[in-house]
Amino acid sequence: MTRSLVPAAGAATPRFDFEAVVRTWWPEVPAAEFAAAFTEGEAFLASSGASARSDYHRLVLAALGLDKPPAGLLDELEQPRPAAELVEVFADVVAALEALRAAGVPVAVVTDNWSTIRDLYADLGLSNLIDAFAISEELGCTKPDPRMYRAGSDALGLEPHECAFVDDDPDLVAAAIDLGYHGFVIDRGTPPGCYSVPTITSLAEIVALAGRAGSIP
């Protein structure tokens, strides 16, 4: 399954209001240090396989110089925000998922994320169009670890050659292909870039491919 959501304006990892929340608890936080702290956080997520969101928050706060953050600050950072404030859904997603559901083609979301991603999909009204989630926090690994891909196909009761993996990262698509999956990088840019793996520009193309193949979810 492709990345079907895009951060809303101003949203990123960490969540869009991270700086504002921290400033309410620690007004003297050095503003110039946020960028480096976020970079350190991204490196932590990439190297740790999978981790709890609270561990990520603690690391970023420590990088800012707050080694012992107040429990209230951590609790506030953990509080869910309305889905509409965090992400927007690409225009082609709902129609494609509805068409795949109508055709009886199952869909799994394979994501480097926390377990709360399920709540986000539910808030966006997409849960009824998703059959399974393979989530890094729960599996203890991140893509391109083969366990991530296999968890998605296993959850659907399918073999790799019966599945199509779609992502906006060509390296992750290449890894899927190496494992026996059909793979496509989605590039919504105009014009699209050039990649060494098959490319699509809309999820509508996956719907068409599934219709022709009859067995590619």
N, C-alpha and C. Protein backbone atom coordinates (compact mmCIF):
# COMPACT_ATOMS: atom_id res chain seq x y z
N MET A 1 0.85 -1.20 0.00
CA MET A 1 0.00 0.00 0.00
C MET A 1 0.88 1.24 0.00
N THR A 2 0.54 2.19 -0.81
CA THR A 2 1.29 3.43 -0.88
C THR A 2 1.07 4.31 0.34
N ARG A 3 1.94 5.27 0.49
CA ARG A 3 1.66 6.34 1.46
C ARG A 3 0.47 7.12 0.94
N SER A 4 -0.67 6.97 1.59
CA SER A 4 -1.90 7.57 1.10
C SER A 4 -2.21 8.90 1.74
N LEU A 5 -1.42 9.28 2.74
CA LEU A 5 -1.67 10.51 3.47
C LEU A 5 -0.47 11.42 3.33
N VAL A 6 -0.71 12.70 3.34
CA VAL A 6 0.36 13.68 3.28
C VAL A 6 0.21 14.61 4.48
N PRO A 7 1.31 14.98 5.15
CA PRO A 7 1.17 15.89 6.28
C PRO A 7 0.44 17.17 5.88
N ALA A 8 -0.45 17.64 6.74
CA ALA A 8 -1.13 18.90 6.48
C ALA A 8 -0.12 20.03 6.55
N ALA A 9 -0.52 21.18 6.06
CA ALA A 9 0.39 22.32 6.03
C ALA A 9 1.02 22.53 7.40
N GLY A 10 2.34 22.55 7.42
CA GLY A 10 3.05 22.76 8.66
C GLY A 10 3.27 21.51 9.49
N ALA A 11 2.71 20.38 9.07
CA ALA A 11 2.87 19.16 9.84
C ALA A 11 4.12 18.43 9.43
N ALA A 12 4.70 17.72 10.38
CA ALA A 12 5.92 16.97 10.11
C ALA A 12 6.12 15.99 11.24
N THR A 13 7.25 15.28 11.21
CA THR A 13 7.65 14.49 12.36
C THR A 13 8.68 15.29 13.12
N PRO A 14 8.43 15.64 14.38
CA PRO A 14 7.25 15.29 15.16
C PRO A 14 6.02 16.09 14.73
N ARG A 15 4.94 15.91 15.47
CA ARG A 15 3.69 16.54 15.07
C ARG A 15 3.84 18.06 14.98
N PHE A 16 2.92 18.66 14.24
CA PHE A 16 3.08 20.06 13.83
C PHE A 16 3.17 21.05 14.99
N ASP A 17 2.55 20.72 16.13
CA ASP A 17 2.54 21.67 17.24
C ASP A 17 3.58 21.35 18.31
N PHE A 18 4.56 20.51 17.99
CA PHE A 18 5.56 20.10 18.96
C PHE A 18 6.27 21.30 19.58
N GLU A 19 6.73 22.22 18.75
CA GLU A 19 7.46 23.38 19.26
C GLU A 19 6.59 24.22 20.18
N ALA A 20 5.35 24.44 19.77
CA ALA A 20 4.46 25.28 20.58
C ALA A 20 4.19 24.64 21.94
N VAL A 21 3.98 23.32 21.94
CA VAL A 21 3.73 22.63 23.20
C VAL A 21 4.94 22.73 24.12
N VAL A 22 6.13 22.49 23.55
CA VAL A 22 7.34 22.55 24.36
C VAL A 22 7.53 23.95 24.94
N ARG A 23 7.25 24.98 24.15
CA ARG A 23 7.46 26.36 24.61
C ARG A 23 6.52 26.72 25.77
N THR A 24 5.35 26.12 25.81
CA THR A 24 4.44 26.42 26.92
C THR A 24 4.99 25.89 28.24
N TRP A 25 5.77 24.83 28.17
CA TRP A 25 6.37 24.24 29.36
C TRP A 25 7.77 24.78 29.63
N TRP A 26 8.43 25.21 28.57
CA TRP A 26 9.84 25.61 28.68
C TRP A 26 10.07 26.82 27.77
N PRO A 27 9.61 28.01 28.18
CA PRO A 27 9.66 29.20 27.32
C PRO A 27 11.07 29.56 26.86
N GLU A 28 12.08 29.22 27.65
CA GLU A 28 13.45 29.61 27.29
C GLU A 28 14.14 28.61 26.39
N VAL A 29 13.42 27.62 25.84
CA VAL A 29 14.04 26.64 24.94
C VAL A 29 14.72 27.35 23.78
N PRO A 30 15.96 26.98 23.45
CA PRO A 30 16.67 27.64 22.34
C PRO A 30 16.03 27.32 20.99
N ALA A 31 15.45 28.31 20.36
CA ALA A 31 14.74 28.09 19.10
C ALA A 31 15.64 27.49 18.02
N ALA A 32 16.91 27.88 18.03
CA ALA A 32 17.82 27.43 16.98
C ALA A 32 18.14 25.94 17.09
N GLU A 33 17.79 25.32 18.23
CA GLU A 33 18.16 23.93 18.44
C GLU A 33 17.12 22.94 17.92
N PHE A 34 15.94 23.42 17.56
CA PHE A 34 14.88 22.49 17.16
C PHE A 34 15.25 21.67 15.92
N ALA A 35 15.80 22.31 14.92
CA ALA A 35 16.10 21.61 13.67
C ALA A 35 17.06 20.45 13.91
N ALA A 36 18.12 20.72 14.66
CA ALA A 36 19.09 19.66 14.94
C ALA A 36 18.47 18.55 15.79
N ALA A 37 17.59 18.92 16.73
CA ALA A 37 16.94 17.92 17.57
C ALA A 37 16.03 17.03 16.74
N PHE A 38 15.30 17.63 15.78
CA PHE A 38 14.43 16.84 14.92
C PHE A 38 15.25 15.89 14.05
N THR A 39 16.39 16.38 13.56
CA THR A 39 17.27 15.53 12.75
C THR A 39 17.76 14.34 13.56
N GLU A 40 18.12 14.59 14.80
CA GLU A 40 18.55 13.51 15.69
C GLU A 40 17.41 12.52 15.93
N GLY A 41 16.22 13.04 16.05
CA GLY A 41 15.06 12.17 16.23
C GLY A 41 14.82 11.28 15.03
N GLU A 42 14.96 11.85 13.82
CA GLU A 42 14.78 11.06 12.61
C GLU A 42 15.83 9.95 12.53
N ALA A 43 17.06 10.27 12.89
CA ALA A 43 18.12 9.27 12.88
C ALA A 43 17.82 8.15 13.89
N PHE A 44 17.28 8.52 15.02
CA PHE A 44 16.91 7.54 16.04
C PHE A 44 15.84 6.59 15.50
N LEU A 45 14.82 7.14 14.86
CA LEU A 45 13.76 6.29 14.31
C LEU A 45 14.30 5.35 13.24
N ALA A 46 15.22 5.86 12.41
CA ALA A 46 15.77 5.05 11.33
C ALA A 46 16.66 3.93 11.85
N SER A 47 17.34 4.16 12.96
CA SER A 47 18.31 3.18 13.45
C SER A 47 17.76 2.24 14.51
N SER A 48 16.63 2.61 15.11
CA SER A 48 16.14 1.82 16.24
C SER A 48 15.20 0.70 15.83
N GLY A 49 14.92 0.59 14.52
CA GLY A 49 14.00 -0.43 14.07
C GLY A 49 12.56 -0.01 14.30
N ALA A 50 12.18 0.08 15.53
CA ALA A 50 10.85 0.59 15.91
C ALA A 50 10.93 0.97 17.38
N SER A 51 10.20 1.99 17.74
CA SER A 51 10.25 2.44 19.13
C SER A 51 8.95 3.12 19.49
N ALA A 52 8.71 3.24 20.78
CA ALA A 52 7.52 3.92 21.24
C ALA A 52 7.63 5.42 20.97
N ARG A 53 6.51 6.05 20.74
CA ARG A 53 6.53 7.48 20.46
C ARG A 53 7.09 8.27 21.64
N SER A 54 6.83 7.77 22.88
CA SER A 54 7.35 8.46 24.05
C SER A 54 8.88 8.43 24.06
N ASP A 55 9.49 7.34 23.58
CA ASP A 55 10.95 7.28 23.50
C ASP A 55 11.48 8.33 22.52
N TYR A 56 10.77 8.48 21.41
CA TYR A 56 11.15 9.49 20.42
C TYR A 56 11.05 10.89 21.04
N HIS A 57 9.97 11.17 21.73
CA HIS A 57 9.81 12.48 22.35
C HIS A 57 10.91 12.75 23.38
N ARG A 58 11.22 11.75 24.19
CA ARG A 58 12.28 11.93 25.19
C ARG A 58 13.62 12.24 24.53
N LEU A 59 13.91 11.55 23.44
CA LEU A 59 15.19 11.78 22.77
C LEU A 59 15.27 13.18 22.19
N VAL A 60 14.21 13.63 21.52
CA VAL A 60 14.20 14.97 20.94
C VAL A 60 14.31 16.03 22.03
N LEU A 61 13.58 15.82 23.12
CA LEU A 61 13.65 16.78 24.23
C LEU A 61 15.05 16.80 24.84
N ALA A 62 15.69 15.63 24.96
CA ALA A 62 17.05 15.59 25.48
C ALA A 62 18.01 16.31 24.54
N ALA A 63 17.78 16.18 23.24
CA ALA A 63 18.63 16.88 22.27
C ALA A 63 18.47 18.39 22.39
N LEU A 64 17.32 18.82 22.88
CA LEU A 64 17.08 20.24 23.11
C LEU A 64 17.68 20.70 24.44
N GLY A 65 18.08 19.74 25.27
CA GLY A 65 18.67 20.08 26.56
C GLY A 65 17.77 19.82 27.74
N LEU A 66 16.62 19.16 27.49
CA LEU A 66 15.69 18.86 28.57
C LEU A 66 15.78 17.36 28.86
N ASP A 67 16.72 16.98 29.70
CA ASP A 67 16.97 15.57 29.97
C ASP A 67 15.91 14.92 30.84
N LYS A 68 15.25 15.71 31.67
CA LYS A 68 14.21 15.17 32.54
C LYS A 68 12.92 15.95 32.33
N PRO A 69 12.23 15.68 31.22
CA PRO A 69 11.01 16.44 30.90
C PRO A 69 9.91 16.15 31.91
N PRO A 70 9.10 17.16 32.23
CA PRO A 70 7.97 16.95 33.13
C PRO A 70 7.00 15.92 32.55
N ALA A 71 6.40 15.13 33.42
CA ALA A 71 5.43 14.12 32.97
C ALA A 71 4.28 14.77 32.22
N GLY A 72 3.87 15.97 32.66
CA GLY A 72 2.78 16.66 31.98
C GLY A 72 3.10 17.01 30.55
N LEU A 73 4.35 17.40 30.29
CA LEU A 73 4.77 17.72 28.93
C LEU A 73 4.70 16.47 28.05
N LEU A 74 5.22 15.36 28.56
CA LEU A 74 5.17 14.12 27.79
C LEU A 74 3.73 13.69 27.54
N ASP A 75 2.88 13.85 28.55
CA ASP A 75 1.47 13.48 28.37
C ASP A 75 0.81 14.33 27.29
N GLU A 76 1.11 15.63 27.29
CA GLU A 76 0.49 16.51 26.30
C GLU A 76 0.96 16.17 24.89
N LEU A 77 2.24 15.83 24.74
CA LEU A 77 2.75 15.45 23.43
C LEU A 77 2.13 14.14 22.94
N GLU A 78 1.68 13.31 23.88
CA GLU A 78 1.06 12.04 23.51
C GLU A 78 -0.41 12.17 23.18
N GLN A 79 -1.01 13.29 23.57
CA GLN A 79 -2.44 13.45 23.33
C GLN A 79 -2.74 13.49 21.83
N PRO A 80 -3.74 12.72 21.38
CA PRO A 80 -4.07 12.72 19.95
C PRO A 80 -4.63 14.06 19.50
N ARG A 81 -4.36 14.40 18.27
CA ARG A 81 -4.91 15.61 17.66
C ARG A 81 -5.91 15.19 16.59
N PRO A 82 -6.89 16.03 16.26
CA PRO A 82 -7.83 15.68 15.19
C PRO A 82 -7.09 15.36 13.90
N ALA A 83 -7.52 14.32 13.23
CA ALA A 83 -6.82 13.85 12.03
C ALA A 83 -6.68 14.94 10.98
N ALA A 84 -7.72 15.77 10.85
CA ALA A 84 -7.69 16.81 9.82
C ALA A 84 -6.59 17.83 10.07
N GLU A 85 -6.13 17.95 11.33
CA GLU A 85 -5.05 18.89 11.62
C GLU A 85 -3.69 18.30 11.26
N LEU A 86 -3.61 16.99 11.14
CA LEU A 86 -2.33 16.32 10.96
C LEU A 86 -2.02 15.95 9.52
N VAL A 87 -3.02 15.51 8.78
CA VAL A 87 -2.77 15.02 7.43
C VAL A 87 -3.90 15.42 6.48
N GLU A 88 -3.59 15.36 5.21
CA GLU A 88 -4.58 15.46 4.15
C GLU A 88 -4.49 14.18 3.34
N VAL A 89 -5.60 13.76 2.77
CA VAL A 89 -5.62 12.55 1.96
C VAL A 89 -5.43 12.94 0.50
N PHE A 90 -4.50 12.26 -0.18
CA PHE A 90 -4.31 12.53 -1.60
C PHE A 90 -5.63 12.32 -2.33
N ALA A 91 -5.83 13.11 -3.39
CA ALA A 91 -7.12 13.13 -4.09
C ALA A 91 -7.51 11.79 -4.70
N ASP A 92 -6.52 10.96 -5.04
CA ASP A 92 -6.84 9.70 -5.71
C ASP A 92 -7.11 8.54 -4.76
N VAL A 93 -6.92 8.75 -3.47
CA VAL A 93 -6.92 7.63 -2.53
C VAL A 93 -8.30 7.01 -2.34
N VAL A 94 -9.29 7.81 -1.98
CA VAL A 94 -10.59 7.24 -1.64
C VAL A 94 -11.21 6.51 -2.82
N ALA A 95 -11.18 7.11 -3.99
CA ALA A 95 -11.78 6.46 -5.16
C ALA A 95 -11.08 5.14 -5.47
N ALA A 96 -9.75 5.13 -5.34
CA ALA A 96 -9.00 3.90 -5.63
C ALA A 96 -9.33 2.82 -4.61
N LEU A 97 -9.35 3.18 -3.32
CA LEU A 97 -9.66 2.19 -2.30
C LEU A 97 -11.08 1.66 -2.45
N GLU A 98 -12.02 2.53 -2.79
CA GLU A 98 -13.40 2.09 -2.97
C GLU A 98 -13.51 1.15 -4.17
N ALA A 99 -12.77 1.43 -5.24
CA ALA A 99 -12.81 0.57 -6.42
C ALA A 99 -12.20 -0.79 -6.12
N LEU A 100 -11.09 -0.80 -5.36
CA LEU A 100 -10.47 -2.07 -4.99
C LEU A 100 -11.40 -2.87 -4.07
N ARG A 101 -12.05 -2.20 -3.14
CA ARG A 101 -12.97 -2.90 -2.25
C ARG A 101 -14.13 -3.49 -3.05
N ALA A 102 -14.68 -2.72 -3.99
CA ALA A 102 -15.80 -3.20 -4.80
C ALA A 102 -15.40 -4.41 -5.65
N ALA A 103 -14.13 -4.45 -6.05
CA ALA A 103 -13.64 -5.55 -6.87
C ALA A 103 -13.18 -6.75 -6.03
N GLY A 104 -13.28 -6.61 -4.71
CA GLY A 104 -12.87 -7.71 -3.85
C GLY A 104 -11.37 -7.85 -3.70
N VAL A 105 -10.63 -6.77 -3.95
CA VAL A 105 -9.17 -6.79 -3.84
C VAL A 105 -8.78 -6.28 -2.45
N PRO A 106 -8.13 -7.11 -1.63
CA PRO A 106 -7.78 -6.68 -0.27
C PRO A 106 -6.60 -5.71 -0.26
N VAL A 107 -6.54 -4.89 0.76
CA VAL A 107 -5.50 -3.86 0.87
C VAL A 107 -4.90 -3.89 2.28
N ALA A 108 -3.58 -3.84 2.34
CA ALA A 108 -2.87 -3.71 3.62
C ALA A 108 -2.04 -2.45 3.61
N VAL A 109 -1.98 -1.78 4.72
CA VAL A 109 -1.10 -0.63 4.91
C VAL A 109 0.16 -1.13 5.61
N VAL A 110 1.31 -0.98 4.96
CA VAL A 110 2.59 -1.39 5.53
C VAL A 110 3.34 -0.10 5.85
N THR A 111 3.48 0.23 7.13
CA THR A 111 3.91 1.57 7.48
C THR A 111 4.92 1.59 8.62
N ASP A 112 5.92 2.45 8.48
CA ASP A 112 6.84 2.73 9.56
C ASP A 112 6.18 3.79 10.43
N ASN A 113 5.50 3.33 11.45
CA ASN A 113 4.69 4.26 12.23
C ASN A 113 4.37 3.65 13.59
N TRP A 114 3.65 4.42 14.40
CA TRP A 114 3.18 3.94 15.68
C TRP A 114 1.80 3.32 15.54
N SER A 115 1.42 2.54 16.55
CA SER A 115 0.15 1.82 16.49
C SER A 115 -1.05 2.75 16.35
N THR A 116 -0.90 3.98 16.79
CA THR A 116 -2.01 4.94 16.71
C THR A 116 -2.36 5.31 15.27
N ILE A 117 -1.59 4.83 14.30
CA ILE A 117 -1.93 5.10 12.90
C ILE A 117 -3.31 4.53 12.57
N ARG A 118 -3.70 3.47 13.26
CA ARG A 118 -5.05 2.92 13.04
C ARG A 118 -6.11 3.95 13.40
N ASP A 119 -5.89 4.66 14.50
CA ASP A 119 -6.86 5.68 14.91
C ASP A 119 -6.94 6.80 13.88
N LEU A 120 -5.79 7.14 13.30
CA LEU A 120 -5.78 8.19 12.29
C LEU A 120 -6.62 7.80 11.08
N TYR A 121 -6.43 6.56 10.60
CA TYR A 121 -7.24 6.09 9.47
C TYR A 121 -8.72 6.06 9.82
N ALA A 122 -9.02 5.68 11.06
CA ALA A 122 -10.42 5.65 11.49
C ALA A 122 -11.01 7.05 11.49
N ASP A 123 -10.25 8.02 12.02
CA ASP A 123 -10.73 9.40 12.07
C ASP A 123 -10.97 9.96 10.67
N LEU A 124 -10.18 9.50 9.72
CA LEU A 124 -10.32 9.97 8.34
C LEU A 124 -11.39 9.22 7.56
N GLY A 125 -12.02 8.23 8.19
CA GLY A 125 -13.06 7.46 7.52
C GLY A 125 -12.54 6.47 6.51
N LEU A 126 -11.30 6.02 6.68
CA LEU A 126 -10.69 5.10 5.72
C LEU A 126 -10.59 3.67 6.23
N SER A 127 -10.84 3.44 7.50
CA SER A 127 -10.63 2.11 8.07
C SER A 127 -11.45 1.03 7.38
N ASN A 128 -12.64 1.38 6.96
CA ASN A 128 -13.50 0.37 6.33
C ASN A 128 -12.99 -0.04 4.95
N LEU A 129 -11.97 0.66 4.46
CA LEU A 129 -11.41 0.34 3.14
C LEU A 129 -10.07 -0.35 3.26
N ILE A 130 -9.61 -0.59 4.49
CA ILE A 130 -8.32 -1.23 4.74
C ILE A 130 -8.56 -2.57 5.42
N ASP A 131 -7.91 -3.61 4.93
CA ASP A 131 -8.10 -4.94 5.49
C ASP A 131 -7.10 -5.29 6.58
N ALA A 132 -5.92 -4.70 6.54
CA ALA A 132 -4.89 -5.05 7.51
C ALA A 132 -3.85 -3.95 7.61
N PHE A 133 -3.17 -3.90 8.75
CA PHE A 133 -2.06 -2.99 8.97
C PHE A 133 -0.83 -3.80 9.38
N ALA A 134 0.32 -3.45 8.82
CA ALA A 134 1.61 -3.96 9.27
C ALA A 134 2.38 -2.74 9.75
N ILE A 135 2.58 -2.64 11.06
CA ILE A 135 3.08 -1.41 11.68
C ILE A 135 4.42 -1.68 12.35
N SER A 136 5.37 -0.81 12.10
CA SER A 136 6.74 -1.03 12.57
C SER A 136 6.83 -1.13 14.09
N GLU A 137 6.09 -0.29 14.80
CA GLU A 137 6.18 -0.33 16.26
C GLU A 137 5.80 -1.71 16.79
N GLU A 138 4.83 -2.33 16.17
CA GLU A 138 4.35 -3.63 16.63
C GLU A 138 5.25 -4.78 16.18
N LEU A 139 5.90 -4.60 15.04
CA LEU A 139 6.74 -5.67 14.49
C LEU A 139 8.19 -5.58 14.95
N GLY A 140 8.59 -4.43 15.47
CA GLY A 140 9.96 -4.27 15.93
C GLY A 140 10.97 -4.12 14.83
N CYS A 141 10.54 -3.65 13.67
CA CYS A 141 11.44 -3.43 12.54
C CYS A 141 10.80 -2.40 11.62
N THR A 142 11.57 -1.91 10.66
CA THR A 142 11.07 -0.95 9.69
C THR A 142 11.43 -1.42 8.28
N LYS A 143 10.72 -0.91 7.29
CA LYS A 143 11.08 -1.19 5.90
C LYS A 143 12.50 -0.68 5.62
N PRO A 144 13.31 -1.40 4.90
CA PRO A 144 12.99 -2.56 4.04
C PRO A 144 13.20 -3.92 4.68
N ASP A 145 13.09 -4.05 5.97
CA ASP A 145 13.17 -5.37 6.59
C ASP A 145 12.10 -6.27 5.97
N PRO A 146 12.48 -7.47 5.51
CA PRO A 146 11.50 -8.37 4.87
C PRO A 146 10.29 -8.68 5.75
N ARG A 147 10.46 -8.60 7.07
CA ARG A 147 9.34 -8.91 7.95
C ARG A 147 8.18 -7.93 7.77
N MET A 148 8.50 -6.68 7.43
CA MET A 148 7.44 -5.70 7.22
C MET A 148 6.58 -6.08 6.02
N TYR A 149 7.23 -6.38 4.91
CA TYR A 149 6.49 -6.75 3.70
C TYR A 149 5.69 -8.03 3.93
N ARG A 150 6.35 -9.01 4.53
CA ARG A 150 5.70 -10.31 4.72
C ARG A 150 4.51 -10.20 5.66
N ALA A 151 4.61 -9.33 6.65
CA ALA A 151 3.48 -9.15 7.57
C ALA A 151 2.26 -8.64 6.82
N GLY A 152 2.48 -7.77 5.85
CA GLY A 152 1.36 -7.26 5.07
C GLY A 152 0.71 -8.33 4.22
N SER A 153 1.51 -9.09 3.48
CA SER A 153 0.94 -10.12 2.62
C SER A 153 0.36 -11.27 3.44
N ASP A 154 1.02 -11.65 4.55
CA ASP A 154 0.48 -12.71 5.39
C ASP A 154 -0.88 -12.32 5.97
N ALA A 155 -1.01 -11.04 6.35
CA ALA A 155 -2.28 -10.59 6.92
C ALA A 155 -3.42 -10.71 5.92
N LEU A 156 -3.07 -10.64 4.64
CA LEU A 156 -4.08 -10.76 3.59
C LEU A 156 -4.25 -12.21 3.13
N GLY A 157 -3.40 -13.10 3.64
CA GLY A 157 -3.48 -14.50 3.23
C GLY A 157 -2.97 -14.72 1.83
N LEU A 158 -1.99 -13.92 1.41
CA LEU A 158 -1.49 -13.98 0.04
C LEU A 158 0.01 -14.22 0.02
N GLU A 159 0.49 -14.75 -1.10
CA GLU A 159 1.92 -14.91 -1.33
C GLU A 159 2.46 -13.63 -1.95
N PRO A 160 3.78 -13.38 -1.82
CA PRO A 160 4.34 -12.15 -2.39
C PRO A 160 4.01 -11.93 -3.86
N HIS A 161 4.06 -12.98 -4.67
CA HIS A 161 3.83 -12.79 -6.11
C HIS A 161 2.37 -12.43 -6.42
N GLU A 162 1.51 -12.55 -5.42
CA GLU A 162 0.11 -12.18 -5.60
C GLU A 162 -0.17 -10.74 -5.18
N CYS A 163 0.86 -10.04 -4.72
CA CYS A 163 0.68 -8.71 -4.15
C CYS A 163 1.46 -7.65 -4.92
N ALA A 164 0.94 -6.44 -4.88
CA ALA A 164 1.65 -5.27 -5.40
C ALA A 164 1.97 -4.35 -4.23
N PHE A 165 3.23 -3.96 -4.13
CA PHE A 165 3.64 -3.01 -3.11
C PHE A 165 3.85 -1.67 -3.78
N VAL A 166 3.23 -0.61 -3.22
CA VAL A 166 3.32 0.73 -3.78
C VAL A 166 3.86 1.66 -2.71
N ASP A 167 4.85 2.48 -3.07
CA ASP A 167 5.44 3.40 -2.11
C ASP A 167 6.04 4.56 -2.89
N ASP A 168 6.28 5.68 -2.21
CA ASP A 168 6.92 6.81 -2.88
C ASP A 168 8.43 6.78 -2.74
N ASP A 169 8.98 5.74 -2.12
CA ASP A 169 10.42 5.57 -1.99
C ASP A 169 10.87 4.45 -2.92
N PRO A 170 11.60 4.77 -3.98
CA PRO A 170 12.00 3.73 -4.94
C PRO A 170 12.87 2.64 -4.33
N ASP A 171 13.64 2.96 -3.31
CA ASP A 171 14.48 1.94 -2.67
C ASP A 171 13.62 0.90 -1.95
N LEU A 172 12.53 1.34 -1.34
CA LEU A 172 11.64 0.40 -0.66
C LEU A 172 10.88 -0.45 -1.66
N VAL A 173 10.56 0.13 -2.81
CA VAL A 173 9.90 -0.62 -3.88
C VAL A 173 10.87 -1.67 -4.43
N ALA A 174 12.11 -1.28 -4.64
CA ALA A 174 13.11 -2.22 -5.15
C ALA A 174 13.28 -3.39 -4.19
N ALA A 175 13.27 -3.10 -2.89
CA ALA A 175 13.40 -4.17 -1.89
C ALA A 175 12.23 -5.13 -1.98
N ALA A 176 11.03 -4.60 -2.19
CA ALA A 176 9.85 -5.46 -2.32
C ALA A 176 9.97 -6.36 -3.55
N ILE A 177 10.42 -5.79 -4.64
CA ILE A 177 10.58 -6.57 -5.87
C ILE A 177 11.59 -7.69 -5.66
N ASP A 178 12.66 -7.39 -4.95
CA ASP A 178 13.66 -8.41 -4.66
C ASP A 178 13.09 -9.56 -3.84
N LEU A 179 12.05 -9.28 -3.07
CA LEU A 179 11.41 -10.30 -2.23
C LEU A 179 10.31 -11.05 -2.97
N GLY A 180 10.08 -10.71 -4.23
CA GLY A 180 9.10 -11.43 -5.02
C GLY A 180 7.76 -10.75 -5.18
N TYR A 181 7.63 -9.52 -4.67
CA TYR A 181 6.40 -8.76 -4.83
C TYR A 181 6.43 -8.00 -6.16
N HIS A 182 5.26 -7.72 -6.70
CA HIS A 182 5.17 -6.70 -7.74
C HIS A 182 5.41 -5.37 -7.03
N GLY A 183 6.07 -4.43 -7.66
CA GLY A 183 6.38 -3.18 -6.99
C GLY A 183 6.26 -1.99 -7.91
N PHE A 184 5.77 -0.89 -7.37
CA PHE A 184 5.59 0.34 -8.13
C PHE A 184 5.90 1.54 -7.24
N VAL A 185 6.70 2.45 -7.75
CA VAL A 185 6.90 3.70 -7.04
C VAL A 185 5.84 4.68 -7.54
N ILE A 186 5.17 5.36 -6.62
CA ILE A 186 4.17 6.34 -7.03
C ILE A 186 4.82 7.72 -6.99
N ASP A 187 4.71 8.40 -8.10
CA ASP A 187 5.31 9.72 -8.25
C ASP A 187 4.23 10.66 -8.76
N ARG A 188 3.71 11.48 -7.86
CA ARG A 188 2.65 12.41 -8.23
C ARG A 188 3.19 13.74 -8.75
N GLY A 189 4.51 13.81 -8.96
CA GLY A 189 5.11 15.04 -9.46
C GLY A 189 4.79 15.26 -10.93
N THR A 190 4.96 16.49 -11.36
CA THR A 190 4.74 16.85 -12.77
C THR A 190 5.94 17.63 -13.27
N PRO A 191 6.76 17.06 -14.17
CA PRO A 191 6.64 15.69 -14.68
C PRO A 191 7.20 14.70 -13.67
N PRO A 192 6.82 13.41 -13.79
CA PRO A 192 7.35 12.42 -12.86
C PRO A 192 8.84 12.20 -13.07
N GLY A 193 9.51 11.74 -12.05
CA GLY A 193 10.94 11.47 -12.15
C GLY A 193 11.21 10.16 -12.85
N CYS A 194 12.48 9.83 -12.97
CA CYS A 194 12.90 8.61 -13.63
C CYS A 194 13.46 7.66 -12.57
N TYR A 195 12.97 6.44 -12.55
CA TYR A 195 13.38 5.46 -11.56
C TYR A 195 13.73 4.14 -12.24
N SER A 196 14.45 3.31 -11.52
CA SER A 196 14.83 2.01 -12.05
C SER A 196 13.78 0.95 -11.76
N VAL A 197 12.68 1.34 -11.12
CA VAL A 197 11.57 0.42 -10.84
C VAL A 197 10.32 0.96 -11.53
N PRO A 198 9.31 0.10 -11.73
CA PRO A 198 8.07 0.56 -12.38
C PRO A 198 7.46 1.75 -11.64
N THR A 199 6.89 2.67 -12.40
CA THR A 199 6.37 3.92 -11.84
C THR A 199 4.91 4.11 -12.23
N ILE A 200 4.12 4.61 -11.27
CA ILE A 200 2.76 5.05 -11.56
C ILE A 200 2.63 6.48 -11.05
N THR A 201 1.64 7.20 -11.54
CA THR A 201 1.43 8.57 -11.11
C THR A 201 0.13 8.75 -10.34
N SER A 202 -0.67 7.69 -10.25
CA SER A 202 -1.94 7.73 -9.53
C SER A 202 -2.32 6.33 -9.09
N LEU A 203 -3.01 6.22 -7.98
CA LEU A 203 -3.49 4.91 -7.54
C LEU A 203 -4.53 4.33 -8.48
N ALA A 204 -5.11 5.17 -9.34
CA ALA A 204 -6.04 4.66 -10.34
C ALA A 204 -5.36 3.64 -11.25
N GLU A 205 -4.06 3.79 -11.44
CA GLU A 205 -3.32 2.84 -12.27
C GLU A 205 -3.24 1.48 -11.61
N ILE A 206 -3.16 1.44 -10.29
CA ILE A 206 -3.16 0.17 -9.58
C ILE A 206 -4.51 -0.51 -9.72
N VAL A 207 -5.58 0.27 -9.66
CA VAL A 207 -6.91 -0.29 -9.85
C VAL A 207 -7.02 -0.94 -11.23
N ALA A 208 -6.51 -0.27 -12.25
CA ALA A 208 -6.54 -0.82 -13.60
C ALA A 208 -5.70 -2.10 -13.71
N LEU A 209 -4.52 -2.06 -13.08
CA LEU A 209 -3.65 -3.24 -13.12
C LEU A 209 -4.30 -4.43 -12.41
N ALA A 210 -4.92 -4.15 -11.26
CA ALA A 210 -5.58 -5.23 -10.53
C ALA A 210 -6.71 -5.81 -11.35
N GLY A 211 -7.43 -4.96 -12.08
CA GLY A 211 -8.51 -5.44 -12.90
C GLY A 211 -8.02 -6.34 -14.03
N ARG A 212 -6.89 -6.00 -14.61
CA ARG A 212 -6.35 -6.80 -15.72
C ARG A 212 -5.74 -8.10 -15.21
N ALA A 213 -5.04 -8.01 -14.07
CA ALA A 213 -4.34 -9.19 -13.55
C ALA A 213 -5.30 -10.14 -12.84
N GLY A 214 -6.31 -9.58 -12.22
CA GLY A 214 -7.29 -10.42 -11.55
C GLY A 214 -6.86 -10.91 -10.19
N SER A 215 -5.57 -10.82 -9.87
CA SER A 215 -5.12 -11.37 -8.58
C SER A 215 -4.12 -10.49 -7.86
N ILE A 216 -3.81 -9.30 -8.40
CA ILE A 216 -2.83 -8.44 -7.75
C ILE A 216 -3.55 -7.45 -6.85
N PRO A 217 -3.41 -7.58 -5.53
CA PRO A 217 -4.05 -6.60 -4.64
C PRO A 217 -3.20 -5.34 -4.50
